[in-house]
Amino acid sequence: MRFMMFVANDPDAEPYSADEDNIAEWGAEVGARGVWVDGSRLRPIEDATTVRMRDGERVVTEGPANAETAQIAGFDILECTDLAEAIEVASKHPMARFGRIELRAYWPFE
């Protein structure tokens, strides 16, 4: 199963500690296991652009679509056997401690 893992900031999480940020170890582990497909950091919310179509007109605004999307700092695509494995992988990501992780299974078009 393929999962999108949203890596998000969370003001209620424990304070960030560079000494405890094990992203390199996490990347090496998920890479070696073959579950990591792709991922990246995202530019800050100041660089976001929101696109909508309203009454046949394109509406483009600077900034995030809403407060929730403003918190997304990056993403990873995982290929896991099931949700349990995706949860296990996500729980080891440093942002599970310093932020929050949201997992969503791909929903293929039939």
N, C-alpha and C. Protein backbone atom coordinates (compact mmCIF):
# COMPACT_ATOMS: atom_id res chain seq x y z
N MET A 1 0.84 -1.18 0.00
CA MET A 1 0.00 0.00 0.00
C MET A 1 0.88 1.24 0.00
N ARG A 2 0.46 2.22 -0.75
CA ARG A 2 1.20 3.47 -0.80
C ARG A 2 0.52 4.49 0.11
N PHE A 3 1.35 5.21 0.88
CA PHE A 3 0.86 6.22 1.81
C PHE A 3 1.56 7.55 1.57
N MET A 4 0.78 8.62 1.68
CA MET A 4 1.34 9.96 1.72
C MET A 4 1.51 10.29 3.20
N MET A 5 2.69 10.69 3.57
CA MET A 5 2.98 11.07 4.94
C MET A 5 3.23 12.57 4.97
N PHE A 6 2.29 13.31 5.55
CA PHE A 6 2.46 14.75 5.70
C PHE A 6 3.23 15.01 6.98
N VAL A 7 4.30 15.77 6.88
CA VAL A 7 5.13 16.14 8.02
C VAL A 7 4.74 17.58 8.36
N ALA A 8 4.23 17.77 9.57
CA ALA A 8 3.68 19.08 9.91
C ALA A 8 4.24 19.62 11.22
N ASN A 9 4.26 20.93 11.30
CA ASN A 9 4.61 21.60 12.55
C ASN A 9 3.43 21.47 13.50
N ASP A 10 3.70 21.54 14.78
CA ASP A 10 2.64 21.46 15.78
C ASP A 10 3.09 22.26 17.00
N PRO A 11 2.42 23.37 17.29
CA PRO A 11 2.84 24.20 18.42
C PRO A 11 2.72 23.49 19.78
N ASP A 12 1.96 22.40 19.84
CA ASP A 12 1.79 21.67 21.10
C ASP A 12 2.83 20.56 21.29
N ALA A 13 3.70 20.36 20.31
CA ALA A 13 4.71 19.31 20.40
C ALA A 13 5.86 19.77 21.28
N GLU A 14 6.74 18.82 21.63
CA GLU A 14 7.90 19.19 22.43
C GLU A 14 8.82 20.08 21.61
N PRO A 15 9.58 20.94 22.25
CA PRO A 15 10.46 21.86 21.52
C PRO A 15 11.48 21.09 20.67
N TYR A 16 11.79 21.64 19.51
CA TYR A 16 12.75 21.03 18.61
C TYR A 16 14.13 21.02 19.24
N SER A 17 14.84 19.91 19.07
CA SER A 17 16.21 19.78 19.54
C SER A 17 17.06 19.22 18.40
N ALA A 18 17.99 20.03 17.90
CA ALA A 18 18.85 19.58 16.81
C ALA A 18 19.66 18.35 17.21
N ASP A 19 20.02 18.25 18.48
CA ASP A 19 20.78 17.09 18.95
C ASP A 19 19.98 15.80 18.90
N GLU A 20 18.67 15.90 18.97
CA GLU A 20 17.81 14.72 18.96
C GLU A 20 17.12 14.50 17.61
N ASP A 21 17.45 15.31 16.64
CA ASP A 21 16.87 15.19 15.29
C ASP A 21 17.61 14.07 14.55
N ASN A 22 16.97 12.92 14.47
CA ASN A 22 17.61 11.75 13.85
C ASN A 22 17.12 11.49 12.43
N ILE A 23 16.88 12.55 11.67
CA ILE A 23 16.33 12.39 10.32
C ILE A 23 17.26 11.57 9.42
N ALA A 24 18.56 11.72 9.58
CA ALA A 24 19.49 10.94 8.75
C ALA A 24 19.36 9.45 9.04
N GLU A 25 19.23 9.10 10.32
CA GLU A 25 19.05 7.70 10.69
C GLU A 25 17.71 7.17 10.17
N TRP A 26 16.67 7.99 10.30
CA TRP A 26 15.34 7.59 9.81
C TRP A 26 15.41 7.34 8.31
N GLY A 27 16.02 8.26 7.58
CA GLY A 27 16.14 8.12 6.13
C GLY A 27 16.91 6.88 5.73
N ALA A 28 17.98 6.61 6.44
CA ALA A 28 18.78 5.41 6.14
C ALA A 28 17.98 4.14 6.40
N GLU A 29 17.22 4.11 7.50
CA GLU A 29 16.43 2.92 7.82
C GLU A 29 15.33 2.69 6.80
N VAL A 30 14.53 3.72 6.50
CA VAL A 30 13.41 3.50 5.58
C VAL A 30 13.91 3.26 4.16
N GLY A 31 15.05 3.83 3.82
CA GLY A 31 15.65 3.55 2.53
C GLY A 31 16.11 2.11 2.42
N ALA A 32 16.78 1.63 3.47
CA ALA A 32 17.27 0.25 3.48
C ALA A 32 16.12 -0.75 3.46
N ARG A 33 15.02 -0.41 4.09
CA ARG A 33 13.85 -1.30 4.12
C ARG A 33 13.08 -1.26 2.81
N GLY A 34 13.35 -0.27 1.98
CA GLY A 34 12.66 -0.16 0.69
C GLY A 34 11.26 0.40 0.79
N VAL A 35 10.93 1.07 1.89
CA VAL A 35 9.58 1.63 2.02
C VAL A 35 9.50 3.09 1.62
N TRP A 36 10.64 3.77 1.53
CA TRP A 36 10.64 5.19 1.17
C TRP A 36 10.65 5.31 -0.36
N VAL A 37 9.68 6.03 -0.90
CA VAL A 37 9.57 6.22 -2.34
C VAL A 37 10.11 7.59 -2.74
N ASP A 38 9.69 8.64 -2.02
CA ASP A 38 10.08 10.00 -2.34
C ASP A 38 9.72 10.89 -1.16
N GLY A 39 10.26 12.08 -1.14
CA GLY A 39 9.92 13.04 -0.09
C GLY A 39 10.79 14.26 -0.17
N SER A 40 10.34 15.32 0.51
CA SER A 40 11.10 16.55 0.49
C SER A 40 10.55 17.51 1.54
N ARG A 41 11.37 18.50 1.87
CA ARG A 41 10.87 19.63 2.65
C ARG A 41 10.05 20.49 1.70
N LEU A 42 9.23 21.35 2.26
CA LEU A 42 8.47 22.30 1.45
C LEU A 42 8.89 23.72 1.82
N ARG A 43 8.80 24.62 0.86
CA ARG A 43 9.11 26.02 1.11
C ARG A 43 8.17 26.54 2.20
N PRO A 44 8.54 27.61 2.90
CA PRO A 44 7.69 28.14 3.97
C PRO A 44 6.36 28.69 3.45
N ILE A 45 5.41 28.87 4.36
CA ILE A 45 4.07 29.30 3.96
C ILE A 45 4.07 30.64 3.25
N GLU A 46 5.06 31.46 3.51
CA GLU A 46 5.15 32.75 2.82
C GLU A 46 5.26 32.58 1.31
N ASP A 47 5.76 31.41 0.88
CA ASP A 47 5.95 31.15 -0.54
C ASP A 47 4.78 30.37 -1.16
N ALA A 48 3.75 30.07 -0.36
CA ALA A 48 2.62 29.29 -0.87
C ALA A 48 1.76 30.12 -1.82
N THR A 49 1.14 29.44 -2.75
CA THR A 49 0.17 30.03 -3.66
C THR A 49 -1.05 29.12 -3.67
N THR A 50 -2.23 29.71 -3.52
CA THR A 50 -3.48 28.95 -3.53
C THR A 50 -4.23 29.26 -4.81
N VAL A 51 -4.70 28.23 -5.48
CA VAL A 51 -5.42 28.38 -6.75
C VAL A 51 -6.82 27.82 -6.59
N ARG A 52 -7.81 28.61 -7.02
CA ARG A 52 -9.20 28.19 -7.00
C ARG A 52 -9.86 28.62 -8.30
N MET A 53 -10.91 27.92 -8.69
CA MET A 53 -11.77 28.35 -9.80
C MET A 53 -13.12 28.69 -9.18
N ARG A 54 -13.60 29.92 -9.38
CA ARG A 54 -14.88 30.38 -8.85
C ARG A 54 -15.64 31.08 -9.96
N ASP A 55 -16.84 30.58 -10.22
CA ASP A 55 -17.69 31.16 -11.28
C ASP A 55 -16.94 31.28 -12.60
N GLY A 56 -16.16 30.25 -12.92
CA GLY A 56 -15.44 30.22 -14.19
C GLY A 56 -14.18 31.08 -14.21
N GLU A 57 -13.85 31.72 -13.12
CA GLU A 57 -12.67 32.59 -13.05
C GLU A 57 -11.61 31.95 -12.16
N ARG A 58 -10.39 32.08 -12.59
CA ARG A 58 -9.26 31.60 -11.78
C ARG A 58 -8.95 32.64 -10.72
N VAL A 59 -8.87 32.21 -9.47
CA VAL A 59 -8.54 33.09 -8.35
C VAL A 59 -7.23 32.57 -7.75
N VAL A 60 -6.21 33.40 -7.78
CA VAL A 60 -4.90 33.03 -7.26
C VAL A 60 -4.58 33.97 -6.10
N THR A 61 -4.27 33.38 -4.94
CA THR A 61 -3.92 34.19 -3.78
C THR A 61 -2.59 33.72 -3.22
N GLU A 62 -1.87 34.65 -2.63
CA GLU A 62 -0.62 34.30 -1.96
C GLU A 62 -0.97 33.72 -0.60
N GLY A 63 -0.22 32.71 -0.20
CA GLY A 63 -0.43 32.11 1.10
C GLY A 63 -1.13 30.77 1.02
N PRO A 64 -1.22 30.10 2.17
CA PRO A 64 -1.80 28.76 2.22
C PRO A 64 -3.31 28.79 2.08
N ALA A 65 -3.90 27.63 1.76
CA ALA A 65 -5.35 27.53 1.61
C ALA A 65 -6.05 27.70 2.94
N ASN A 66 -5.45 27.22 4.02
CA ASN A 66 -6.06 27.37 5.35
C ASN A 66 -4.98 27.18 6.41
N ALA A 67 -5.37 27.35 7.66
CA ALA A 67 -4.41 27.26 8.77
C ALA A 67 -3.79 25.88 8.89
N GLU A 68 -4.55 24.83 8.59
CA GLU A 68 -4.01 23.48 8.68
C GLU A 68 -2.92 23.24 7.65
N THR A 69 -3.16 23.63 6.39
CA THR A 69 -2.14 23.40 5.38
C THR A 69 -0.92 24.27 5.63
N ALA A 70 -1.08 25.37 6.37
CA ALA A 70 0.06 26.23 6.68
C ALA A 70 1.08 25.50 7.54
N GLN A 71 0.66 24.47 8.24
CA GLN A 71 1.54 23.75 9.14
C GLN A 71 2.38 22.68 8.44
N ILE A 72 2.03 22.33 7.19
CA ILE A 72 2.74 21.25 6.50
C ILE A 72 4.13 21.73 6.09
N ALA A 73 5.15 21.00 6.58
CA ALA A 73 6.53 21.39 6.34
C ALA A 73 7.22 20.50 5.33
N GLY A 74 6.63 19.33 5.04
CA GLY A 74 7.24 18.40 4.11
C GLY A 74 6.36 17.19 3.91
N PHE A 75 6.85 16.27 3.12
CA PHE A 75 6.08 15.06 2.83
C PHE A 75 7.03 13.92 2.53
N ASP A 76 6.49 12.72 2.67
CA ASP A 76 7.18 11.51 2.24
C ASP A 76 6.15 10.58 1.66
N ILE A 77 6.54 9.82 0.68
CA ILE A 77 5.68 8.79 0.11
C ILE A 77 6.27 7.46 0.54
N LEU A 78 5.43 6.65 1.16
CA LEU A 78 5.87 5.35 1.68
C LEU A 78 5.17 4.23 0.95
N GLU A 79 5.85 3.13 0.75
CA GLU A 79 5.28 1.90 0.20
C GLU A 79 5.38 0.86 1.30
N CYS A 80 4.27 0.63 1.99
CA CYS A 80 4.24 -0.27 3.15
C CYS A 80 3.27 -1.42 2.90
N THR A 81 3.42 -2.46 3.67
CA THR A 81 2.52 -3.61 3.51
C THR A 81 1.12 -3.29 3.99
N ASP A 82 1.00 -2.41 5.00
CA ASP A 82 -0.32 -2.07 5.54
C ASP A 82 -0.18 -0.82 6.41
N LEU A 83 -1.31 -0.38 6.97
CA LEU A 83 -1.31 0.81 7.82
C LEU A 83 -0.43 0.62 9.05
N ALA A 84 -0.41 -0.56 9.62
CA ALA A 84 0.40 -0.81 10.80
C ALA A 84 1.88 -0.53 10.53
N GLU A 85 2.38 -0.95 9.38
CA GLU A 85 3.78 -0.68 9.04
C GLU A 85 3.99 0.81 8.80
N ALA A 86 3.05 1.47 8.14
CA ALA A 86 3.17 2.92 7.91
C ALA A 86 3.21 3.67 9.23
N ILE A 87 2.40 3.27 10.19
CA ILE A 87 2.40 3.90 11.52
C ILE A 87 3.75 3.68 12.20
N GLU A 88 4.27 2.48 12.12
CA GLU A 88 5.56 2.16 12.73
C GLU A 88 6.66 3.02 12.12
N VAL A 89 6.67 3.15 10.79
CA VAL A 89 7.68 3.97 10.11
C VAL A 89 7.52 5.44 10.50
N ALA A 90 6.28 5.95 10.47
CA ALA A 90 6.03 7.36 10.80
C ALA A 90 6.40 7.68 12.24
N SER A 91 6.18 6.75 13.15
CA SER A 91 6.46 7.02 14.56
C SER A 91 7.94 7.22 14.83
N LYS A 92 8.80 6.75 13.94
CA LYS A 92 10.25 6.90 14.11
C LYS A 92 10.77 8.21 13.50
N HIS A 93 9.96 8.90 12.72
CA HIS A 93 10.37 10.17 12.11
C HIS A 93 10.51 11.21 13.23
N PRO A 94 11.56 12.04 13.22
CA PRO A 94 11.74 13.00 14.30
C PRO A 94 10.57 13.97 14.46
N MET A 95 9.88 14.27 13.39
CA MET A 95 8.75 15.20 13.51
C MET A 95 7.54 14.56 14.18
N ALA A 96 7.56 13.25 14.41
CA ALA A 96 6.51 12.65 15.23
C ALA A 96 6.63 13.17 16.66
N ARG A 97 7.84 13.57 17.05
CA ARG A 97 8.07 14.16 18.37
C ARG A 97 7.99 15.68 18.34
N PHE A 98 8.63 16.29 17.34
CA PHE A 98 8.74 17.74 17.31
C PHE A 98 7.62 18.42 16.54
N GLY A 99 6.73 17.65 15.96
CA GLY A 99 5.62 18.17 15.18
C GLY A 99 4.51 17.15 15.18
N ARG A 100 4.03 16.81 14.00
CA ARG A 100 3.04 15.73 13.89
C ARG A 100 3.13 15.14 12.50
N ILE A 101 2.68 13.91 12.39
CA ILE A 101 2.69 13.19 11.12
C ILE A 101 1.26 12.79 10.81
N GLU A 102 0.85 13.02 9.58
CA GLU A 102 -0.46 12.55 9.12
C GLU A 102 -0.23 11.56 8.00
N LEU A 103 -0.86 10.41 8.10
CA LEU A 103 -0.77 9.38 7.07
C LEU A 103 -2.09 9.29 6.32
N ARG A 104 -2.00 9.19 5.01
CA ARG A 104 -3.19 8.94 4.19
C ARG A 104 -2.82 7.91 3.13
N ALA A 105 -3.63 6.86 3.09
CA ALA A 105 -3.43 5.83 2.06
C ALA A 105 -3.83 6.40 0.71
N TYR A 106 -3.12 5.99 -0.32
CA TYR A 106 -3.52 6.36 -1.67
C TYR A 106 -4.89 5.75 -1.94
N TRP A 107 -5.69 6.45 -2.71
CA TRP A 107 -7.03 6.00 -3.08
C TRP A 107 -7.09 6.00 -4.60
N PRO A 108 -6.64 4.91 -5.21
CA PRO A 108 -6.52 4.87 -6.67
C PRO A 108 -7.87 5.04 -7.36
N PHE A 109 -7.83 5.66 -8.53
CA PHE A 109 -9.02 5.73 -9.37
C PHE A 109 -9.26 4.34 -9.95
N GLU A 110 -10.50 3.90 -9.94
CA GLU A 110 -10.82 2.60 -10.51
C GLU A 110 -11.24 2.72 -11.95
